[in-house]
Amino acid sequence: VLLESIDLTVDPGDLVLVLGGSGAGKTTFFNAVMGYEK
């Protein structure tokens, strides 16, 4: 399991920082949200 239990809502016009240490799953999170890796 790479990621689990993530719930959030972003508004239009928001500039959002994605923060986390090495291995926390930042790029995996991006790929999942973009639909590249469902």
PDB file of all heavy atoms in Angstrom:
ATOM      1  N   VAL A   1       0.849  -1.191   0.000  1.00  0.00           N
ATOM      2  CA  VAL A   1       0.000   0.000   0.000  1.00  0.00           C
ATOM      3  C   VAL A   1       0.887   1.243   0.000  1.00  0.00           C
ATOM      4  O   VAL A   1       1.715   1.425   0.910  1.00  0.00           O
ATOM      5  CB  VAL A   1      -0.943   0.013   1.222  1.00  0.00           C
ATOM      6  CG1 VAL A   1      -1.770   1.294   1.227  1.00  0.00           C
ATOM      7  CG2 VAL A   1      -1.849  -1.211   1.204  1.00  0.00           C
ATOM      8  N   LEU A   2       0.718   2.086  -1.012  1.00  0.00           N
ATOM      9  CA  LEU A   2       1.517   3.307  -1.127  1.00  0.00           C
ATOM     10  C   LEU A   2       0.827   4.505  -0.480  1.00  0.00           C
ATOM     11  O   LEU A   2       1.484   5.334   0.157  1.00  0.00           O
ATOM     12  CB  LEU A   2       1.794   3.613  -2.607  1.00  0.00           C
ATOM     13  CG  LEU A   2       2.449   2.485  -3.410  1.00  0.00           C
ATOM     14  CD1 LEU A   2       2.602   2.916  -4.867  1.00  0.00           C
ATOM     15  CD2 LEU A   2       3.803   2.132  -2.822  1.00  0.00           C
ATOM     16  N   LEU A   3      -0.482   4.611  -0.691  1.00  0.00           N
ATOM     17  CA  LEU A   3      -1.279   5.704  -0.133  1.00  0.00           C
ATOM     18  C   LEU A   3      -2.587   5.149   0.393  1.00  0.00           C
ATOM     19  O   LEU A   3      -3.117   4.177  -0.155  1.00  0.00           O
ATOM     20  CB  LEU A   3      -1.606   6.762  -1.207  1.00  0.00           C
ATOM     21  CG  LEU A   3      -0.525   7.691  -1.734  1.00  0.00           C
ATOM     22  CD1 LEU A   3      -1.111   8.547  -2.843  1.00  0.00           C
ATOM     23  CD2 LEU A   3       0.061   8.565  -0.631  1.00  0.00           C
ATOM     24  N   GLU A   4      -3.137   5.788   1.412  1.00  0.00           N
ATOM     25  CA  GLU A   4      -4.466   5.400   1.878  1.00  0.00           C
ATOM     26  C   GLU A   4      -5.091   6.535   2.699  1.00  0.00           C
ATOM     27  O   GLU A   4      -4.396   7.407   3.232  1.00  0.00           O
ATOM     28  CB  GLU A   4      -4.413   4.113   2.698  1.00  0.00           C
ATOM     29  CG  GLU A   4      -3.585   4.187   3.959  1.00  0.00           C
ATOM     30  CD  GLU A   4      -3.589   2.867   4.720  1.00  0.00           C
ATOM     31  OE1 GLU A   4      -4.644   2.220   4.789  1.00  0.00           O
ATOM     32  OE2 GLU A   4      -2.516   2.481   5.252  1.00  0.00           O
ATOM     33  N   SER A   5      -6.425   6.521   2.733  1.00  0.00           N
ATOM     34  CA  SER A   5      -7.210   7.400   3.597  1.00  0.00           C
ATOM     35  C   SER A   5      -6.899   8.884   3.383  1.00  0.00           C
ATOM     36  O   SER A   5      -6.502   9.593   4.308  1.00  0.00           O
ATOM     37  CB  SER A   5      -6.994   7.034   5.071  1.00  0.00           C
ATOM     38  OG  SER A   5      -7.289   5.677   5.303  1.00  0.00           O
ATOM     39  N   ILE A   6      -7.091   9.339   2.139  1.00  0.00           N
ATOM     40  CA  ILE A   6      -6.855  10.755   1.831  1.00  0.00           C
ATOM     41  C   ILE A   6      -8.152  11.375   1.326  1.00  0.00           C
ATOM     42  O   ILE A   6      -8.685  10.968   0.292  1.00  0.00           O
ATOM     43  CB  ILE A   6      -5.735  10.920   0.786  1.00  0.00           C
ATOM     44  CG1 ILE A   6      -4.419  10.378   1.355  1.00  0.00           C
ATOM     45  CG2 ILE A   6      -5.589  12.384   0.381  1.00  0.00           C
ATOM     46  CD1 ILE A   6      -3.265  10.416   0.397  1.00  0.00           C
ATOM     47  N   ASP A   7      -8.663  12.343   2.060  1.00  0.00           N
ATOM     48  CA  ASP A   7      -9.887  13.058   1.688  1.00  0.00           C
ATOM     49  C   ASP A   7      -9.659  14.549   1.833  1.00  0.00           C
ATOM     50  O   ASP A   7      -9.313  15.027   2.927  1.00  0.00           O
ATOM     51  CB  ASP A   7     -11.056  12.645   2.587  1.00  0.00           C
ATOM     52  CG  ASP A   7     -11.622  11.281   2.228  1.00  0.00           C
ATOM     53  OD1 ASP A   7     -12.381  11.217   1.255  1.00  0.00           O
ATOM     54  OD2 ASP A   7     -11.287  10.309   2.927  1.00  0.00           O
ATOM     55  N   LEU A   8      -9.861  15.291   0.739  1.00  0.00           N
ATOM     56  CA  LEU A   8      -9.738  16.747   0.787  1.00  0.00           C
ATOM     57  C   LEU A   8     -10.410  17.356  -0.433  1.00  0.00           C
ATOM     58  O   LEU A   8     -10.642  16.670  -1.427  1.00  0.00           O
ATOM     59  CB  LEU A   8      -8.269  17.178   0.884  1.00  0.00           C
ATOM     60  CG  LEU A   8      -7.310  16.684  -0.214  1.00  0.00           C
ATOM     61  CD1 LEU A   8      -7.155  17.734  -1.307  1.00  0.00           C
ATOM     62  CD2 LEU A   8      -5.949  16.369   0.392  1.00  0.00           C
ATOM     63  N   THR A   9     -10.721  18.636  -0.349  1.00  0.00           N
ATOM     64  CA  THR A   9     -11.368  19.355  -1.444  1.00  0.00           C
ATOM     65  C   THR A   9     -10.643  20.670  -1.674  1.00  0.00           C
ATOM     66  O   THR A   9     -10.385  21.421  -0.722  1.00  0.00           O
ATOM     67  CB  THR A   9     -12.847  19.634  -1.127  1.00  0.00           C
ATOM     68  OG1 THR A   9     -13.516  18.384  -0.909  1.00  0.00           O
ATOM     69  CG2 THR A   9     -13.519  20.356  -2.284  1.00  0.00           C
ATOM     70  N   VAL A  10     -10.303  20.947  -2.937  1.00  0.00           N
ATOM     71  CA  VAL A  10      -9.550  22.144  -3.304  1.00  0.00           C
ATOM     72  C   VAL A  10     -10.448  23.072  -4.114  1.00  0.00           C
ATOM     73  O   VAL A  10     -11.170  22.630  -5.020  1.00  0.00           O
ATOM     74  CB  VAL A  10      -8.294  21.782  -4.126  1.00  0.00           C
ATOM     75  CG1 VAL A  10      -7.457  23.018  -4.414  1.00  0.00           C
ATOM     76  CG2 VAL A  10      -7.460  20.730  -3.388  1.00  0.00           C
ATOM     77  N   ASP A  11     -10.403  24.362  -3.810  1.00  0.00           N
ATOM     78  CA  ASP A  11     -11.226  25.355  -4.492  1.00  0.00           C
ATOM     79  C   ASP A  11     -10.514  25.942  -5.710  1.00  0.00           C
ATOM     80  O   ASP A  11      -9.278  26.016  -5.736  1.00  0.00           O
ATOM     81  CB  ASP A  11     -11.585  26.497  -3.539  1.00  0.00           C
ATOM     82  CG  ASP A  11     -12.520  26.054  -2.430  1.00  0.00           C
ATOM     83  OD1 ASP A  11     -13.469  25.318  -2.746  1.00  0.00           O
ATOM     84  OD2 ASP A  11     -12.293  26.433  -1.269  1.00  0.00           O
ATOM     85  N   PRO A  12     -11.275  26.399  -6.717  1.00  0.00           N
ATOM     86  CA  PRO A  12     -10.661  27.105  -7.847  1.00  0.00           C
ATOM     87  C   PRO A  12      -9.910  28.336  -7.359  1.00  0.00           C
ATOM     88  O   PRO A  12     -10.347  29.022  -6.431  1.00  0.00           O
ATOM     89  CB  PRO A  12     -11.866  27.506  -8.703  1.00  0.00           C
ATOM     90  CG  PRO A  12     -12.963  26.599  -8.298  1.00  0.00           C
ATOM     91  CD  PRO A  12     -12.731  26.294  -6.856  1.00  0.00           C
ATOM     92  N   GLY A  13      -8.774  28.603  -7.961  1.00  0.00           N
ATOM     93  CA  GLY A  13      -7.963  29.740  -7.558  1.00  0.00           C
ATOM     94  C   GLY A  13      -6.979  29.430  -6.453  1.00  0.00           C
ATOM     95  O   GLY A  13      -6.204  30.294  -6.059  1.00  0.00           O
ATOM     96  N   ASP A  14      -6.994  28.180  -5.951  1.00  0.00           N
ATOM     97  CA  ASP A  14      -6.079  27.799  -4.877  1.00  0.00           C
ATOM     98  C   ASP A  14      -4.725  27.379  -5.444  1.00  0.00           C
ATOM     99  O   ASP A  14      -4.643  26.567  -6.376  1.00  0.00           O
ATOM    100  CB  ASP A  14      -6.644  26.632  -4.060  1.00  0.00           C
ATOM    101  CG  ASP A  14      -7.575  27.099  -2.953  1.00  0.00           C
ATOM    102  OD1 ASP A  14      -7.691  28.326  -2.737  1.00  0.00           O
ATOM    103  OD2 ASP A  14      -8.177  26.236  -2.289  1.00  0.00           O
ATOM    104  N   LEU A  15      -3.667  27.926  -4.859  1.00  0.00           N
ATOM    105  CA  LEU A  15      -2.306  27.450  -5.093  1.00  0.00           C
ATOM    106  C   LEU A  15      -1.949  26.584  -3.891  1.00  0.00           C
ATOM    107  O   LEU A  15      -1.913  27.064  -2.756  1.00  0.00           O
ATOM    108  CB  LEU A  15      -1.346  28.633  -5.225  1.00  0.00           C
ATOM    109  CG  LEU A  15       0.142  28.310  -5.449  1.00  0.00           C
ATOM    110  CD1 LEU A  15       0.335  27.491  -6.726  1.00  0.00           C
ATOM    111  CD2 LEU A  15       0.969  29.586  -5.498  1.00  0.00           C
ATOM    112  N   VAL A  16      -1.712  25.283  -4.145  1.00  0.00           N
ATOM    113  CA  VAL A  16      -1.603  24.296  -3.066  1.00  0.00           C
ATOM    114  C   VAL A  16      -0.198  23.708  -3.022  1.00  0.00           C
ATOM    115  O   VAL A  16       0.317  23.228  -4.034  1.00  0.00           O
ATOM    116  CB  VAL A  16      -2.632  23.163  -3.258  1.00  0.00           C
ATOM    117  CG1 VAL A  16      -2.533  22.153  -2.124  1.00  0.00           C
ATOM    118  CG2 VAL A  16      -4.048  23.732  -3.342  1.00  0.00           C
ATOM    119  N   LEU A  17       0.399  23.749  -1.849  1.00  0.00           N
ATOM    120  CA  LEU A  17       1.696  23.128  -1.612  1.00  0.00           C
ATOM    121  C   LEU A  17       1.488  21.701  -1.130  1.00  0.00           C
ATOM    122  O   LEU A  17       0.703  21.463  -0.207  1.00  0.00           O
ATOM    123  CB  LEU A  17       2.456  23.940  -0.548  1.00  0.00           C
ATOM    124  CG  LEU A  17       3.728  23.317   0.018  1.00  0.00           C
ATOM    125  CD1 LEU A  17       4.793  23.180  -1.059  1.00  0.00           C
ATOM    126  CD2 LEU A  17       4.252  24.159   1.185  1.00  0.00           C
ATOM    127  N   VAL A  18       2.169  20.754  -1.759  1.00  0.00           N
ATOM    128  CA  VAL A  18       2.121  19.353  -1.320  1.00  0.00           C
ATOM    129  C   VAL A  18       3.443  19.065  -0.617  1.00  0.00           C
ATOM    130  O   VAL A  18       4.510  19.081  -1.223  1.00  0.00           O
ATOM    131  CB  VAL A  18       1.898  18.396  -2.503  1.00  0.00           C
ATOM    132  CG1 VAL A  18       1.896  16.945  -2.019  1.00  0.00           C
ATOM    133  CG2 VAL A  18       0.584  18.723  -3.202  1.00  0.00           C
ATOM    134  N   LEU A  19       3.345  18.801   0.680  1.00  0.00           N
ATOM    135  CA  LEU A  19       4.514  18.700   1.545  1.00  0.00           C
ATOM    136  C   LEU A  19       4.603  17.294   2.131  1.00  0.00           C
ATOM    137  O   LEU A  19       3.589  16.661   2.408  1.00  0.00           O
ATOM    138  CB  LEU A  19       4.372  19.730   2.672  1.00  0.00           C
ATOM    139  CG  LEU A  19       5.604  20.146   3.468  1.00  0.00           C
ATOM    140  CD1 LEU A  19       6.621  20.832   2.558  1.00  0.00           C
ATOM    141  CD2 LEU A  19       5.197  21.097   4.595  1.00  0.00           C
ATOM    142  N   GLY A  20       5.819  16.830   2.331  1.00  0.00           N
ATOM    143  CA  GLY A  20       6.016  15.518   2.948  1.00  0.00           C
ATOM    144  C   GLY A  20       7.451  15.079   2.808  1.00  0.00           C
ATOM    145  O   GLY A  20       8.167  15.538   1.917  1.00  0.00           O
ATOM    146  N   GLY A  21       7.872  14.200   3.671  1.00  0.00           N
ATOM    147  CA  GLY A  21       9.237  13.705   3.611  1.00  0.00           C
ATOM    148  C   GLY A  21       9.437  12.706   2.485  1.00  0.00           C
ATOM    149  O   GLY A  21       8.504  12.336   1.767  1.00  0.00           O
ATOM    150  N   SER A  22      10.670  12.264   2.341  1.00  0.00           N
ATOM    151  CA  SER A  22      10.991  11.277   1.323  1.00  0.00           C
ATOM    152  C   SER A  22      10.201   9.996   1.562  1.00  0.00           C
ATOM    153  O   SER A  22      10.125   9.498   2.694  1.00  0.00           O
ATOM    154  CB  SER A  22      12.490  10.976   1.348  1.00  0.00           C
ATOM    155  OG  SER A  22      12.821   9.982   0.424  1.00  0.00           O
ATOM    156  N   GLY A  23       9.569   9.481   0.501  1.00  0.00           N
ATOM    157  CA  GLY A  23       8.811   8.246   0.616  1.00  0.00           C
ATOM    158  C   GLY A  23       7.405   8.416   1.130  1.00  0.00           C
ATOM    159  O   GLY A  23       6.690   7.429   1.326  1.00  0.00           O
ATOM    160  N   ALA A  24       6.974   9.676   1.355  1.00  0.00           N
ATOM    161  CA  ALA A  24       5.624   9.898   1.877  1.00  0.00           C
ATOM    162  C   ALA A  24       4.553   9.734   0.799  1.00  0.00           C
ATOM    163  O   ALA A  24       3.365   9.668   1.120  1.00  0.00           O
ATOM    164  CB  ALA A  24       5.521  11.287   2.505  1.00  0.00           C
ATOM    165  N   GLY A  25       4.964   9.706  -0.466  1.00  0.00           N
ATOM    166  CA  GLY A  25       4.001   9.444  -1.534  1.00  0.00           C
ATOM    167  C   GLY A  25       3.520  10.678  -2.278  1.00  0.00           C
ATOM    168  O   GLY A  25       2.426  10.670  -2.839  1.00  0.00           O
ATOM    169  N   LYS A  26       4.330  11.734  -2.329  1.00  0.00           N
ATOM    170  CA  LYS A  26       3.900  12.981  -2.994  1.00  0.00           C
ATOM    171  C   LYS A  26       3.672  12.771  -4.491  1.00  0.00           C
ATOM    172  O   LYS A  26       2.625  13.161  -5.030  1.00  0.00           O
ATOM    173  CB  LYS A  26       4.934  14.086  -2.752  1.00  0.00           C
ATOM    174  CG  LYS A  26       5.153  14.430  -1.283  1.00  0.00           C
ATOM    175  CD  LYS A  26       6.104  15.583  -1.096  1.00  0.00           C
ATOM    176  CE  LYS A  26       7.519  15.295  -1.572  1.00  0.00           C
ATOM    177  NZ  LYS A  26       8.184  14.224  -0.790  1.00  0.00           N
ATOM    178  N   THR A  27       4.636  12.180  -5.165  1.00  0.00           N
ATOM    179  CA  THR A  27       4.487  11.951  -6.607  1.00  0.00           C
ATOM    180  C   THR A  27       3.400  10.915  -6.876  1.00  0.00           C
ATOM    181  O   THR A  27       2.632  11.042  -7.837  1.00  0.00           O
ATOM    182  CB  THR A  27       5.826  11.494  -7.215  1.00  0.00           C
ATOM    183  OG1 THR A  27       6.817  12.517  -6.988  1.00  0.00           O
ATOM    184  CG2 THR A  27       5.685  11.269  -8.717  1.00  0.00           C
ATOM    185  N   THR A  28       3.310   9.901  -6.033  1.00  0.00           N
ATOM    186  CA  THR A  28       2.233   8.911  -6.166  1.00  0.00           C
ATOM    187  C   THR A  28       0.874   9.584  -6.009  1.00  0.00           C
ATOM    188  O   THR A  28      -0.080   9.270  -6.729  1.00  0.00           O
ATOM    189  CB  THR A  28       2.398   7.799  -5.112  1.00  0.00           C
ATOM    190  OG1 THR A  28       3.679   7.187  -5.269  1.00  0.00           O
ATOM    191  CG2 THR A  28       1.313   6.756  -5.249  1.00  0.00           C
ATOM    192  N   PHE A  29       0.779  10.510  -5.075  1.00  0.00           N
ATOM    193  CA  PHE A  29      -0.450  11.287  -4.867  1.00  0.00           C
ATOM    194  C   PHE A  29      -0.795  12.071  -6.129  1.00  0.00           C
ATOM    195  O   PHE A  29      -1.958  12.055  -6.580  1.00  0.00           O
ATOM    196  CB  PHE A  29      -0.244  12.218  -3.671  1.00  0.00           C
ATOM    197  CG  PHE A  29      -1.345  13.216  -3.465  1.00  0.00           C
ATOM    198  CD1 PHE A  29      -2.577  12.820  -2.964  1.00  0.00           C
ATOM    199  CD2 PHE A  29      -1.139  14.555  -3.757  1.00  0.00           C
ATOM    200  CE1 PHE A  29      -3.600  13.748  -2.764  1.00  0.00           C
ATOM    201  CE2 PHE A  29      -2.147  15.489  -3.563  1.00  0.00           C
ATOM    202  CZ  PHE A  29      -3.378  15.094  -3.067  1.00  0.00           C
ATOM    203  N   PHE A  30       0.174  12.749  -6.713  1.00  0.00           N
ATOM    204  CA  PHE A  30      -0.048  13.482  -7.960  1.00  0.00           C
ATOM    205  C   PHE A  30      -0.591  12.550  -9.041  1.00  0.00           C
ATOM    206  O   PHE A  30      -1.585  12.843  -9.711  1.00  0.00           O
ATOM    207  CB  PHE A  30       1.264  14.108  -8.434  1.00  0.00           C
ATOM    208  CG  PHE A  30       1.435  15.546  -8.054  1.00  0.00           C
ATOM    209  CD1 PHE A  30       0.701  16.116  -7.026  1.00  0.00           C
ATOM    210  CD2 PHE A  30       2.339  16.356  -8.740  1.00  0.00           C
ATOM    211  CE1 PHE A  30       0.863  17.446  -6.677  1.00  0.00           C
ATOM    212  CE2 PHE A  30       2.506  17.687  -8.405  1.00  0.00           C
ATOM    213  CZ  PHE A  30       1.768  18.239  -7.367  1.00  0.00           C
ATOM    214  N   ASN A  31       0.087  11.428  -9.243  1.00  0.00           N
ATOM    215  CA  ASN A  31      -0.305  10.509 -10.313  1.00  0.00           C
ATOM    216  C   ASN A  31      -1.715   9.971 -10.107  1.00  0.00           C
ATOM    217  O   ASN A  31      -2.467   9.778 -11.072  1.00  0.00           O
ATOM    218  CB  ASN A  31       0.688   9.355 -10.402  1.00  0.00           C
ATOM    219  CG  ASN A  31       2.035   9.787 -10.953  1.00  0.00           C
ATOM    220  OD1 ASN A  31       2.133  10.812 -11.629  1.00  0.00           O
ATOM    221  ND2 ASN A  31       3.073   9.021 -10.670  1.00  0.00           N
ATOM    222  N   ALA A  32      -2.095   9.734  -8.859  1.00  0.00           N
ATOM    223  CA  ALA A  32      -3.439   9.235  -8.578  1.00  0.00           C
ATOM    224  C   ALA A  32      -4.492  10.301  -8.836  1.00  0.00           C
ATOM    225  O   ALA A  32      -5.547  10.034  -9.418  1.00  0.00           O
ATOM    226  CB  ALA A  32      -3.522   8.754  -7.128  1.00  0.00           C
ATOM    227  N   VAL A  33      -4.215  11.543  -8.419  1.00  0.00           N
ATOM    228  CA  VAL A  33      -5.182  12.619  -8.611  1.00  0.00           C
ATOM    229  C   VAL A  33      -5.332  12.957 -10.088  1.00  0.00           C
ATOM    230  O   VAL A  33      -6.438  13.264 -10.566  1.00  0.00           O
ATOM    231  CB  VAL A  33      -4.759  13.867  -7.808  1.00  0.00           C
ATOM    232  CG1 VAL A  33      -5.681  15.049  -8.110  1.00  0.00           C
ATOM    233  CG2 VAL A  33      -4.777  13.570  -6.311  1.00  0.00           C
ATOM    234  N   MET A  34      -4.247  12.892 -10.852  1.00  0.00           N
ATOM    235  CA  MET A  34      -4.304  13.208 -12.284  1.00  0.00           C
ATOM    236  C   MET A  34      -4.894  12.078 -13.108  1.00  0.00           C
ATOM    237  O   MET A  34      -5.185  12.257 -14.286  1.00  0.00           O
ATOM    238  CB  MET A  34      -2.896  13.537 -12.799  1.00  0.00           C
ATOM    239  CG  MET A  34      -2.345  14.845 -12.272  1.00  0.00           C
ATOM    240  SD  MET A  34      -0.758  15.272 -13.046  1.00  0.00           S
ATOM    241  CE  MET A  34       0.306  13.994 -12.404  1.00  0.00           C
ATOM    242  N   GLY A  35      -5.018  10.896 -12.525  1.00  0.00           N
ATOM    243  CA  GLY A  35      -5.549   9.762 -13.271  1.00  0.00           C
ATOM    244  C   GLY A  35      -4.502   8.987 -14.038  1.00  0.00           C
ATOM    245  O   GLY A  35      -4.831   8.041 -14.759  1.00  0.00           O
ATOM    246  N   TYR A  36      -3.212   9.362 -13.894  1.00  0.00           N
ATOM    247  CA  TYR A  36      -2.148   8.631 -14.584  1.00  0.00           C
ATOM    248  C   TYR A  36      -2.012   7.217 -14.013  1.00  0.00           C
ATOM    249  O   TYR A  36      -1.747   6.265 -14.746  1.00  0.00           O
ATOM    250  CB  TYR A  36      -0.819   9.362 -14.449  1.00  0.00           C
ATOM    251  CG  TYR A  36      -0.707  10.640 -15.240  1.00  0.00           C
ATOM    252  CD1 TYR A  36      -1.790  11.138 -15.973  1.00  0.00           C
ATOM    253  CD2 TYR A  36       0.481  11.358 -15.286  1.00  0.00           C
ATOM    254  CE1 TYR A  36      -1.691  12.301 -16.701  1.00  0.00           C
ATOM    255  CE2 TYR A  36       0.589  12.530 -16.014  1.00  0.00           C
ATOM    256  CZ  TYR A  36      -0.496  13.001 -16.710  1.00  0.00           C
ATOM    257  OH  TYR A  36      -0.396  14.163 -17.433  1.00  0.00           O
ATOM    258  N   GLU A  37      -2.152   7.110 -12.705  1.00  0.00           N
ATOM    259  CA  GLU A  37      -2.127   5.818 -12.018  1.00  0.00           C
ATOM    260  C   GLU A  37      -3.321   5.800 -11.080  1.00  0.00           C
ATOM    261  O   GLU A  37      -3.274   6.371  -9.990  1.00  0.00           O
ATOM    262  CB  GLU A  37      -0.810   5.638 -11.238  1.00  0.00           C
ATOM    263  CG  GLU A  37       0.426   5.642 -12.122  1.00  0.00           C
ATOM    264  CD  GLU A  37       1.717   5.628 -11.323  1.00  0.00           C
ATOM    265  OE1 GLU A  37       1.630   5.791 -10.082  1.00  0.00           O
ATOM    266  OE2 GLU A  37       2.792   5.459 -11.916  1.00  0.00           O
ATOM    267  N   LYS A  38      -4.384   5.164 -11.492  1.00  0.00           N
ATOM    268  CA  LYS A  38      -5.633   5.258 -10.745  1.00  0.00           C
ATOM    269  C   LYS A  38      -5.528   4.553  -9.396  1.00  0.00           C
ATOM    270  O   LYS A  38      -4.924   3.486  -9.275  1.00  0.00           O
ATOM    271  CB  LYS A  38      -6.774   4.661 -11.562  1.00  0.00           C
ATOM    272  CG  LYS A  38      -7.094   5.448 -12.825  1.00  0.00           C
ATOM    273  CD  LYS A  38      -8.233   4.830 -13.601  1.00  0.00           C
ATOM    274  CE  LYS A  38      -8.529   5.618 -14.860  1.00  0.00           C
ATOM    275  NZ  LYS A  38      -9.619   5.015 -15.660  1.00  0.00           N
TER     276      LYS A  38
END
